[in-house]
Protein backbone atom coordinates (compact mmCIF):
# COMPACT_ATOMS: atom_id res chain seq x y z
CA MET A 1 0.22 0.25 -0.16
CA GLU A 2 1.12 3.25 -1.24
CA THR A 3 1.86 5.67 1.97
CA ILE A 4 2.43 9.37 1.96
CA LYS A 5 4.30 11.92 4.77
CA TYR A 6 3.14 15.18 5.56
CA LYS A 7 5.22 18.16 6.74
CA PHE A 8 3.53 21.32 8.69
CA VAL A 9 4.21 24.09 7.06
CA THR A 10 3.71 27.75 7.16
CA SER A 11 4.32 28.87 3.43
CA ILE A 12 3.49 26.29 0.43
CA PRO A 13 7.38 25.54 -1.42
CA ASP A 14 7.32 26.70 -4.90
CA VAL A 15 8.45 22.73 -5.56
CA LEU A 16 6.43 19.81 -3.97
CA GLU A 17 8.05 16.51 -3.76
CA ASP A 18 6.13 13.28 -4.96
CA CYS A 19 4.26 11.92 -2.07
CA VAL A 20 4.52 14.65 0.72
CA LEU A 21 1.24 16.36 2.14
CA TYR A 22 2.02 19.74 2.63
CA ILE A 23 -0.11 21.37 5.50
CA SER A 24 -0.53 25.16 6.20
CA MET A 25 -2.77 25.74 9.01
CA GLU A 26 -1.99 29.22 8.81
CA TYR A 27 -3.68 29.55 5.28
CA GLY A 28 -6.02 26.88 5.82
CA THR A 29 -5.04 24.27 2.98
CA ALA A 30 -2.85 21.16 1.76
CA ILE A 31 -1.14 20.63 -1.24
CA HIS A 32 0.35 17.15 -2.81
CA LYS A 33 1.38 16.54 -6.17
CA CYS A 34 -1.65 14.20 -7.61
CA VAL A 35 -0.41 10.52 -6.64
CA CYS A 36 -0.52 8.66 -10.07
CA GLY A 37 2.56 10.74 -11.10
CA CYS A 38 1.42 12.86 -13.35
CA GLY A 39 2.82 16.05 -11.74
CA ASN A 40 -0.30 17.84 -11.05
CA GLU A 41 -0.64 19.79 -8.21
CA VAL A 42 -4.12 18.89 -5.53
CA VAL A 43 -4.92 21.87 -3.16
CA THR A 44 -7.45 20.36 -1.02
CA PRO A 45 -8.60 23.90 0.99
CA PHE A 46 -10.25 23.11 4.67
CA SER A 47 -13.61 24.30 5.16
CA PRO A 48 -17.02 23.25 6.77
CA THR A 49 -17.74 22.55 2.78
CA ASP A 50 -14.72 21.24 1.73
CA TRP A 51 -11.72 18.96 3.28
CA ASP A 52 -11.19 18.50 6.31
CA ILE A 53 -7.86 17.13 8.28
CA ASN A 54 -7.41 15.02 11.09
CA TYR A 55 -3.65 14.42 12.59
CA ASP A 56 -3.42 12.29 15.33
CA GLY A 57 -0.14 13.04 16.19
CA GLU A 58 1.47 10.24 14.13
CA SER A 59 -0.47 10.42 11.22
CA VAL A 60 -2.60 12.63 9.01
CA SER A 61 -5.97 11.85 6.89
CA LEU A 62 -8.33 13.96 4.93
CA ASN A 63 -12.10 13.63 4.47
CA PRO A 64 -13.93 13.28 2.04
CA SER A 65 -11.66 11.39 -0.74
CA ILE A 66 -9.86 13.19 -3.69
CA GLY A 67 -11.56 13.35 -6.86
CA ASN A 68 -9.06 15.31 -9.64
CA TRP A 69 -12.03 15.21 -12.15
CA GLY A 70 -10.25 18.45 -13.78
CA PHE A 71 -7.18 16.32 -14.46
CA GLU A 72 -6.30 14.18 -17.25
CA CYS A 73 -5.59 11.55 -14.87
CA GLN A 74 -9.01 11.57 -13.24
CA SER A 75 -7.33 10.39 -10.24
CA HIS A 76 -9.21 9.25 -7.60
CA TYR A 77 -8.03 8.31 -3.77
CA TRP A 78 -8.12 8.74 -0.06
CA ILE A 79 -5.73 9.81 2.25
CA ILE A 80 -6.25 8.09 5.71
CA ARG A 81 -3.58 7.81 8.26
CA ASN A 82 -0.67 8.56 6.07
CA LYS A 83 -1.79 5.69 3.75
CA ILE A 84 -3.16 6.09 0.12
CA ILE A 85 -6.03 4.34 -0.71
CA HIS A 86 -6.73 4.14 -4.57
CA SER A 87 -10.82 4.17 -5.62
CA PRO A 88 -12.72 3.41 -8.98
CA LYS A 89 -12.92 6.05 -11.46
CA TRP A 90 -15.89 7.66 -11.97
CA ASP A 91 -17.85 7.92 -15.50
CA LYS A 92 -18.78 11.30 -16.78
CA GLU A 93 -22.52 10.93 -14.80
CA GLU A 94 -21.28 10.05 -11.48
CA ILE A 95 -18.70 13.35 -11.57
CA GLU A 96 -21.49 15.38 -12.71
CA TYR A 97 -23.80 14.65 -10.05
CA ASN A 98 -21.06 15.04 -7.56
CA ARG A 99 -20.53 17.96 -8.41
CA GLY A 100 -23.95 19.15 -8.47
CA GLN A 101 -24.68 17.62 -5.03
CA ASP A 102 -21.11 20.09 -3.54
CA LYS A 103 -22.56 23.26 -5.16
CA LYS A 104 -26.21 22.24 -3.35
CA LEU A 105 -23.76 21.75 -0.03
CA LYS A 106 -21.80 24.67 -0.50
CA ALA A 107 -25.27 26.75 -1.18
CA ARG A 108 -27.43 25.51 1.35
CA PHE A 109 -24.54 26.03 3.94
CA TYR A 110 -23.41 29.74 3.12
CA GLU A 111 -27.51 30.44 3.07
CA LYS A 112 -27.98 29.63 6.58
CA GLN A 113 -24.71 31.62 7.30
CA ILE A 114 -26.09 34.75 5.91
CA LEU A 115 -29.40 33.98 7.35
CA GLU A 116 -27.61 33.56 10.95
CA ASN A 117 -25.50 36.47 10.34
CA ASP A 118 -28.83 38.99 9.27
CA ASN A 119 -30.31 37.61 12.63
CA ARG A 120 -27.52 38.68 14.75
CA GLU A 121 -27.40 42.38 13.07
CA LYS A 122 -31.49 42.52 13.56
CA GLU A 123 -30.79 42.12 16.77
CA PHE A 124 -28.51 44.37 17.85
CA VAL A 125 -30.12 46.85 15.92
CA SER A 126 -33.39 46.03 17.50
CA LYS A 127 -31.65 45.77 21.53
CA ASN A 128 -29.78 49.22 20.24
CA GLU A 129 -33.21 51.38 19.36
CA SER A 130 -34.65 49.62 22.59
CA GLU A 131 -31.91 52.06 24.87
CA LYS A 132 -32.84 54.93 22.41
CA LEU A 133 -35.93 54.44 23.62
CA ILE A 134 -34.98 54.77 27.51
CA PRO A 135 -35.08 58.50 28.62
CA TRP A 136 -31.97 60.28 29.40
CA TRP A 137 -31.93 60.69 33.07
CA LYS A 138 -32.86 56.92 33.97
CA LYS A 139 -29.63 55.86 31.53
CA LEU A 140 -28.00 58.34 33.65
CA VAL A 141 -29.51 56.58 36.74
CA LYS A 142 -28.27 53.25 35.48
CA TYR A 143 -25.08 54.93 35.06
CA VAL A 144 -24.21 56.45 38.49
CA LYS A 145 -25.95 52.83 40.58
CA GLY A 146 -23.18 50.79 38.27
CA ILE A 147 -20.23 53.12 39.38
CA PHE A 148 -21.32 52.47 43.03
């Protein structure tokens, strides 16, 4: 079974070694050369809708699998505990379906984030508006009580 080493780096090196996963927590991404040997650079950004990384002190794993559908090789594999586990190639229909699912997942996630931010903003504005309705003298009393 093939293995891949890992290196934690601040920035990505100009030249990548074969079978090395470069991990930059500062930039929230990992990069490596495609494990099929084609030489293409594979970038796996960390985010709630892309990849996540697990480091157990001895090995690394990336989730989900890596499907290089944009490369001529179209390699598909997992990196689990420093091991490269090859998966079957997907046909065009599987690739398109998966891309569609990824887009839907991202859209749902970011729509939810926007709604949550809007609600927080409305709460903040509402609280500030209600503060404005308190007479100035009540604010002064509240302030003085807070001092003593």
